[in-house]
Amino acid sequence: MTKKSHWLKPPYVIACHWLLAKNYCAMALYPFIILKNARLRHDQRLMLHERIHLRQQIELLIVPFYVLYLAHYLYLLCRLRNHQRAYRNICFEKEAYAHEDNPDYLKQRPLWAWRHCWHR
């Protein structure tokens, strides 16, 4: 039996609707995945999307992830003048959305993979 990497272990999953904005159903805040309701823990696509964010957070030693995420969002918001378009174009979101349908993605994901989504 092989040992799994520590970041492949399941994160702490919390169902707490009041922690999330109206239009959001999940959020990754290392080491937690916060869900709007407990049933969402069975949504494999959503859970993988959030696990990709946890991996990104680990790579950037957590706090710098949030700084870069916010900075990229604010830059895109000024440039695109639309919240939804800015959010979907954040490099971290692009990577997560691009690979949320591949259940093996985290096993084969290259280090710093989000960088390839910066200008796409």
N, C-alpha and C. Protein backbone atom coordinates (compact mmCIF):
# COMPACT_ATOMS: atom_id res chain seq x y z
N MET A 1 0.84 -1.18 0.00
CA MET A 1 0.00 0.00 0.00
C MET A 1 0.89 1.25 0.00
N THR A 2 0.58 2.20 -0.86
CA THR A 2 1.38 3.41 -0.95
C THR A 2 0.81 4.49 -0.04
N LYS A 3 1.70 5.36 0.39
CA LYS A 3 1.29 6.49 1.23
C LYS A 3 0.76 7.61 0.35
N LYS A 4 -0.34 8.20 0.75
CA LYS A 4 -0.87 9.36 0.03
C LYS A 4 -0.21 10.62 0.55
N SER A 5 -0.06 11.59 -0.34
CA SER A 5 0.45 12.89 0.09
C SER A 5 -0.54 13.52 1.05
N HIS A 6 -0.03 14.34 1.97
CA HIS A 6 -0.91 14.94 2.98
C HIS A 6 -1.99 15.81 2.37
N TRP A 7 -1.76 16.41 1.21
CA TRP A 7 -2.78 17.29 0.64
C TRP A 7 -3.84 16.53 -0.16
N LEU A 8 -3.67 15.21 -0.32
CA LEU A 8 -4.70 14.43 -0.99
C LEU A 8 -5.72 13.88 0.00
N LYS A 9 -5.45 14.01 1.28
CA LYS A 9 -6.40 13.58 2.30
C LYS A 9 -7.61 14.52 2.26
N PRO A 10 -8.76 14.01 2.62
CA PRO A 10 -9.95 14.87 2.59
C PRO A 10 -9.78 16.10 3.50
N PRO A 11 -10.20 17.27 3.06
CA PRO A 11 -10.15 18.47 3.91
C PRO A 11 -11.29 18.42 4.93
N TYR A 12 -11.28 19.35 5.84
CA TYR A 12 -12.40 19.50 6.77
C TYR A 12 -13.54 20.18 6.02
N VAL A 13 -14.68 19.54 5.97
CA VAL A 13 -15.82 20.06 5.23
C VAL A 13 -16.86 20.54 6.24
N ILE A 14 -17.29 21.79 6.06
CA ILE A 14 -18.25 22.43 6.96
C ILE A 14 -19.45 22.91 6.14
N ALA A 15 -20.64 22.61 6.60
CA ALA A 15 -21.85 23.15 5.97
C ALA A 15 -22.33 24.31 6.83
N CYS A 16 -22.31 25.50 6.25
CA CYS A 16 -22.67 26.70 7.02
C CYS A 16 -23.14 27.78 6.04
N HIS A 17 -24.44 27.85 5.80
CA HIS A 17 -24.98 28.74 4.77
C HIS A 17 -24.70 30.22 5.03
N TRP A 18 -24.62 30.66 6.26
CA TRP A 18 -24.46 32.09 6.54
C TRP A 18 -23.04 32.59 6.32
N LEU A 19 -22.07 31.69 6.11
CA LEU A 19 -20.69 32.13 5.83
C LEU A 19 -20.46 32.49 4.36
N LEU A 20 -21.41 32.12 3.51
CA LEU A 20 -21.23 32.32 2.07
C LEU A 20 -22.17 33.39 1.53
N ALA A 21 -21.67 34.13 0.56
CA ALA A 21 -22.49 35.14 -0.11
C ALA A 21 -23.66 34.45 -0.82
N LYS A 22 -24.68 35.21 -1.10
CA LYS A 22 -25.93 34.70 -1.66
C LYS A 22 -25.73 33.80 -2.89
N ASN A 23 -24.90 34.20 -3.82
CA ASN A 23 -24.76 33.47 -5.08
C ASN A 23 -23.67 32.40 -5.07
N TYR A 24 -23.09 32.11 -3.93
CA TYR A 24 -22.01 31.13 -3.85
C TYR A 24 -22.45 29.91 -3.06
N CYS A 25 -22.01 28.73 -3.50
CA CYS A 25 -22.40 27.51 -2.80
C CYS A 25 -21.23 26.86 -2.08
N ALA A 26 -20.00 27.31 -2.33
CA ALA A 26 -18.84 26.72 -1.65
C ALA A 26 -17.67 27.69 -1.69
N MET A 27 -16.74 27.46 -0.75
CA MET A 27 -15.53 28.27 -0.69
C MET A 27 -14.45 27.45 0.02
N ALA A 28 -13.23 27.55 -0.48
CA ALA A 28 -12.10 26.86 0.15
C ALA A 28 -11.28 27.87 0.93
N LEU A 29 -11.15 27.64 2.21
CA LEU A 29 -10.29 28.44 3.10
C LEU A 29 -9.44 27.44 3.87
N TYR A 30 -8.22 27.25 3.43
CA TYR A 30 -7.38 26.18 3.98
C TYR A 30 -7.42 26.15 5.50
N PRO A 31 -7.67 24.99 6.08
CA PRO A 31 -7.84 23.63 5.54
C PRO A 31 -9.31 23.22 5.40
N PHE A 32 -10.19 24.19 5.22
CA PHE A 32 -11.63 23.91 5.19
C PHE A 32 -12.22 24.09 3.80
N ILE A 33 -13.27 23.33 3.53
CA ILE A 33 -14.18 23.60 2.42
C ILE A 33 -15.51 23.92 3.08
N ILE A 34 -16.00 25.12 2.85
CA ILE A 34 -17.25 25.58 3.45
C ILE A 34 -18.34 25.46 2.39
N LEU A 35 -19.41 24.78 2.72
CA LEU A 35 -20.51 24.53 1.80
C LEU A 35 -21.78 25.24 2.26
N LYS A 36 -22.60 25.63 1.30
CA LYS A 36 -23.90 26.26 1.60
C LYS A 36 -24.80 25.29 2.36
N ASN A 37 -24.77 24.01 1.95
CA ASN A 37 -25.54 22.99 2.68
C ASN A 37 -24.82 21.64 2.59
N ALA A 38 -25.12 20.76 3.51
CA ALA A 38 -24.40 19.49 3.65
C ALA A 38 -24.54 18.58 2.43
N ARG A 39 -25.64 18.68 1.71
CA ARG A 39 -25.83 17.82 0.52
C ARG A 39 -24.77 18.06 -0.54
N LEU A 40 -24.19 19.25 -0.58
CA LEU A 40 -23.20 19.58 -1.60
C LEU A 40 -21.91 18.78 -1.46
N ARG A 41 -21.69 18.15 -0.32
CA ARG A 41 -20.47 17.34 -0.16
C ARG A 41 -20.47 16.15 -1.11
N HIS A 42 -21.63 15.81 -1.68
CA HIS A 42 -21.73 14.70 -2.63
C HIS A 42 -21.55 15.15 -4.08
N ASP A 43 -21.42 16.44 -4.30
CA ASP A 43 -21.20 16.99 -5.64
C ASP A 43 -19.70 16.89 -5.96
N GLN A 44 -19.33 15.85 -6.71
CA GLN A 44 -17.92 15.59 -6.96
C GLN A 44 -17.23 16.71 -7.72
N ARG A 45 -17.92 17.31 -8.67
CA ARG A 45 -17.34 18.41 -9.44
C ARG A 45 -17.03 19.59 -8.52
N LEU A 46 -17.98 19.97 -7.70
CA LEU A 46 -17.79 21.08 -6.77
C LEU A 46 -16.66 20.79 -5.79
N MET A 47 -16.63 19.59 -5.24
CA MET A 47 -15.60 19.24 -4.27
C MET A 47 -14.21 19.24 -4.90
N LEU A 48 -14.11 18.77 -6.14
CA LEU A 48 -12.81 18.81 -6.82
C LEU A 48 -12.39 20.25 -7.08
N HIS A 49 -13.34 21.08 -7.51
CA HIS A 49 -13.05 22.50 -7.75
C HIS A 49 -12.45 23.12 -6.48
N GLU A 50 -13.06 22.86 -5.35
CA GLU A 50 -12.58 23.44 -4.09
C GLU A 50 -11.25 22.81 -3.65
N ARG A 51 -11.07 21.53 -3.92
CA ARG A 51 -9.78 20.88 -3.59
C ARG A 51 -8.64 21.45 -4.44
N ILE A 52 -8.94 21.81 -5.68
CA ILE A 52 -7.92 22.46 -6.51
C ILE A 52 -7.50 23.77 -5.85
N HIS A 53 -8.47 24.52 -5.34
CA HIS A 53 -8.14 25.76 -4.64
C HIS A 53 -7.30 25.49 -3.39
N LEU A 54 -7.59 24.42 -2.67
CA LEU A 54 -6.77 24.08 -1.50
C LEU A 54 -5.33 23.79 -1.91
N ARG A 55 -5.16 23.10 -3.02
CA ARG A 55 -3.80 22.82 -3.51
C ARG A 55 -3.09 24.12 -3.88
N GLN A 56 -3.79 25.02 -4.54
CA GLN A 56 -3.22 26.32 -4.89
C GLN A 56 -2.80 27.06 -3.62
N GLN A 57 -3.63 27.01 -2.61
CA GLN A 57 -3.33 27.70 -1.34
C GLN A 57 -2.09 27.12 -0.68
N ILE A 58 -1.95 25.80 -0.70
CA ILE A 58 -0.77 25.16 -0.13
C ILE A 58 0.49 25.59 -0.88
N GLU A 59 0.42 25.60 -2.21
CA GLU A 59 1.58 25.99 -3.03
C GLU A 59 2.07 27.39 -2.70
N LEU A 60 1.14 28.27 -2.42
CA LEU A 60 1.49 29.67 -2.16
C LEU A 60 1.60 29.98 -0.66
N LEU A 61 1.66 28.94 0.14
CA LEU A 61 1.80 29.09 1.59
C LEU A 61 0.63 29.88 2.20
N ILE A 62 -0.52 29.68 1.66
CA ILE A 62 -1.84 30.12 2.11
C ILE A 62 -2.07 31.63 2.02
N VAL A 63 -1.47 32.44 2.85
CA VAL A 63 -1.77 33.89 2.85
C VAL A 63 -1.45 34.55 1.50
N PRO A 64 -0.30 34.29 0.89
CA PRO A 64 -0.04 34.90 -0.42
C PRO A 64 -1.08 34.52 -1.48
N PHE A 65 -1.69 33.35 -1.34
CA PHE A 65 -2.77 32.97 -2.26
C PHE A 65 -3.89 34.00 -2.20
N TYR A 66 -4.33 34.33 -1.00
CA TYR A 66 -5.44 35.27 -0.85
C TYR A 66 -5.07 36.66 -1.36
N VAL A 67 -3.83 37.07 -1.15
CA VAL A 67 -3.37 38.38 -1.64
C VAL A 67 -3.39 38.39 -3.16
N LEU A 68 -2.82 37.35 -3.79
CA LEU A 68 -2.81 37.27 -5.25
C LEU A 68 -4.22 37.15 -5.82
N TYR A 69 -5.05 36.35 -5.18
CA TYR A 69 -6.43 36.15 -5.63
C TYR A 69 -7.16 37.50 -5.65
N LEU A 70 -7.09 38.22 -4.55
CA LEU A 70 -7.76 39.52 -4.45
C LEU A 70 -7.17 40.53 -5.43
N ALA A 71 -5.85 40.57 -5.53
CA ALA A 71 -5.20 41.51 -6.45
C ALA A 71 -5.61 41.23 -7.90
N HIS A 72 -5.62 39.95 -8.28
CA HIS A 72 -5.99 39.61 -9.65
C HIS A 72 -7.46 39.94 -9.90
N TYR A 73 -8.32 39.67 -8.92
CA TYR A 73 -9.74 40.00 -9.05
C TYR A 73 -9.94 41.51 -9.22
N LEU A 74 -9.30 42.31 -8.37
CA LEU A 74 -9.46 43.77 -8.45
C LEU A 74 -8.94 44.33 -9.77
N TYR A 75 -7.81 43.80 -10.23
CA TYR A 75 -7.27 44.21 -11.53
C TYR A 75 -8.28 43.90 -12.63
N LEU A 76 -8.80 42.67 -12.63
CA LEU A 76 -9.76 42.27 -13.66
C LEU A 76 -11.07 43.04 -13.55
N LEU A 77 -11.50 43.33 -12.35
CA LEU A 77 -12.73 44.10 -12.16
C LEU A 77 -12.58 45.50 -12.75
N CYS A 78 -11.43 46.12 -12.53
CA CYS A 78 -11.18 47.45 -13.12
C CYS A 78 -11.13 47.36 -14.64
N ARG A 79 -10.52 46.31 -15.14
CA ARG A 79 -10.36 46.15 -16.58
C ARG A 79 -11.66 45.74 -17.27
N LEU A 80 -12.39 44.80 -16.68
CA LEU A 80 -13.58 44.24 -17.33
C LEU A 80 -14.88 44.90 -16.89
N ARG A 81 -14.87 45.57 -15.74
CA ARG A 81 -16.03 46.26 -15.19
C ARG A 81 -17.28 45.37 -15.05
N ASN A 82 -17.03 44.12 -14.67
CA ASN A 82 -18.12 43.17 -14.48
C ASN A 82 -17.65 42.12 -13.47
N HIS A 83 -18.38 42.01 -12.36
CA HIS A 83 -17.97 41.08 -11.29
C HIS A 83 -17.84 39.65 -11.79
N GLN A 84 -18.87 39.15 -12.47
CA GLN A 84 -18.87 37.75 -12.89
C GLN A 84 -17.73 37.45 -13.86
N ARG A 85 -17.51 38.33 -14.83
CA ARG A 85 -16.41 38.13 -15.79
C ARG A 85 -15.06 38.21 -15.09
N ALA A 86 -14.93 39.15 -14.16
CA ALA A 86 -13.67 39.27 -13.41
C ALA A 86 -13.42 38.00 -12.60
N TYR A 87 -14.43 37.52 -11.89
CA TYR A 87 -14.31 36.31 -11.08
C TYR A 87 -13.91 35.11 -11.93
N ARG A 88 -14.58 34.91 -13.06
CA ARG A 88 -14.30 33.75 -13.91
C ARG A 88 -12.94 33.82 -14.58
N ASN A 89 -12.34 35.01 -14.65
CA ASN A 89 -11.03 35.16 -15.28
C ASN A 89 -9.87 35.20 -14.30
N ILE A 90 -10.13 35.08 -13.02
CA ILE A 90 -9.04 34.97 -12.04
C ILE A 90 -8.28 33.69 -12.38
N CYS A 91 -6.96 33.77 -12.42
CA CYS A 91 -6.16 32.62 -12.85
C CYS A 91 -6.46 31.37 -12.03
N PHE A 92 -6.69 31.50 -10.74
CA PHE A 92 -6.97 30.36 -9.88
C PHE A 92 -8.33 29.73 -10.23
N GLU A 93 -9.31 30.57 -10.56
CA GLU A 93 -10.62 30.06 -10.95
C GLU A 93 -10.56 29.39 -12.32
N LYS A 94 -9.78 29.95 -13.23
CA LYS A 94 -9.65 29.35 -14.55
C LYS A 94 -9.12 27.93 -14.45
N GLU A 95 -8.09 27.74 -13.63
CA GLU A 95 -7.55 26.39 -13.47
C GLU A 95 -8.60 25.46 -12.86
N ALA A 96 -9.27 25.91 -11.81
CA ALA A 96 -10.26 25.06 -11.13
C ALA A 96 -11.42 24.70 -12.06
N TYR A 97 -11.95 25.68 -12.79
CA TYR A 97 -13.05 25.39 -13.71
C TYR A 97 -12.60 24.49 -14.86
N ALA A 98 -11.38 24.68 -15.35
CA ALA A 98 -10.88 23.89 -16.48
C ALA A 98 -10.72 22.42 -16.13
N HIS A 99 -10.49 22.11 -14.86
CA HIS A 99 -10.16 20.73 -14.49
C HIS A 99 -11.13 20.10 -13.50
N GLU A 100 -12.25 20.75 -13.21
CA GLU A 100 -13.17 20.22 -12.20
C GLU A 100 -13.89 18.96 -12.65
N ASP A 101 -13.81 18.62 -13.93
CA ASP A 101 -14.45 17.40 -14.43
C ASP A 101 -13.48 16.22 -14.52
N ASN A 102 -12.23 16.42 -14.16
CA ASN A 102 -11.21 15.37 -14.25
C ASN A 102 -10.89 14.86 -12.85
N PRO A 103 -11.46 13.73 -12.45
CA PRO A 103 -11.25 13.25 -11.07
C PRO A 103 -9.79 12.90 -10.76
N ASP A 104 -8.96 12.70 -11.77
CA ASP A 104 -7.55 12.37 -11.56
C ASP A 104 -6.64 13.60 -11.61
N TYR A 105 -7.22 14.77 -11.80
CA TYR A 105 -6.40 15.97 -12.00
C TYR A 105 -5.40 16.22 -10.88
N LEU A 106 -5.81 16.13 -9.65
CA LEU A 106 -4.89 16.44 -8.55
C LEU A 106 -3.74 15.44 -8.44
N LYS A 107 -3.93 14.24 -8.97
CA LYS A 107 -2.85 13.24 -8.96
C LYS A 107 -1.77 13.57 -9.99
N GLN A 108 -2.15 14.25 -11.07
CA GLN A 108 -1.22 14.54 -12.15
C GLN A 108 -0.93 16.03 -12.31
N ARG A 109 -1.51 16.84 -11.49
CA ARG A 109 -1.38 18.29 -11.60
C ARG A 109 0.06 18.73 -11.40
N PRO A 110 0.59 19.52 -12.35
CA PRO A 110 1.95 20.03 -12.17
C PRO A 110 1.99 21.15 -11.11
N LEU A 111 3.13 21.30 -10.51
CA LEU A 111 3.34 22.36 -9.53
C LEU A 111 3.11 23.72 -10.18
N TRP A 112 2.47 24.63 -9.48
CA TRP A 112 2.20 25.99 -9.95
C TRP A 112 1.37 26.01 -11.25
N ALA A 113 0.49 25.05 -11.43
CA ALA A 113 -0.30 24.95 -12.66
C ALA A 113 -1.14 26.19 -12.93
N TRP A 114 -1.54 26.89 -11.90
CA TRP A 114 -2.38 28.09 -12.06
C TRP A 114 -1.67 29.17 -12.87
N ARG A 115 -0.33 29.17 -12.89
CA ARG A 115 0.42 30.19 -13.65
C ARG A 115 0.11 30.13 -15.13
N HIS A 116 -0.21 28.94 -15.63
CA HIS A 116 -0.49 28.78 -17.06
C HIS A 116 -1.84 29.40 -17.43
N CYS A 117 -2.64 29.72 -16.45
CA CYS A 117 -3.96 30.32 -16.70
C CYS A 117 -3.93 31.84 -16.54
N TRP A 118 -2.79 32.40 -16.20
CA TRP A 118 -2.70 33.83 -15.89
C TRP A 118 -3.18 34.70 -17.05
N HIS A 119 -2.76 34.38 -18.28
CA HIS A 119 -3.11 35.24 -19.43
C HIS A 119 -4.03 34.57 -20.43
N ARG A 120 -4.56 33.41 -20.09
CA ARG A 120 -5.45 32.73 -21.03
C ARG A 120 -6.78 33.41 -21.08
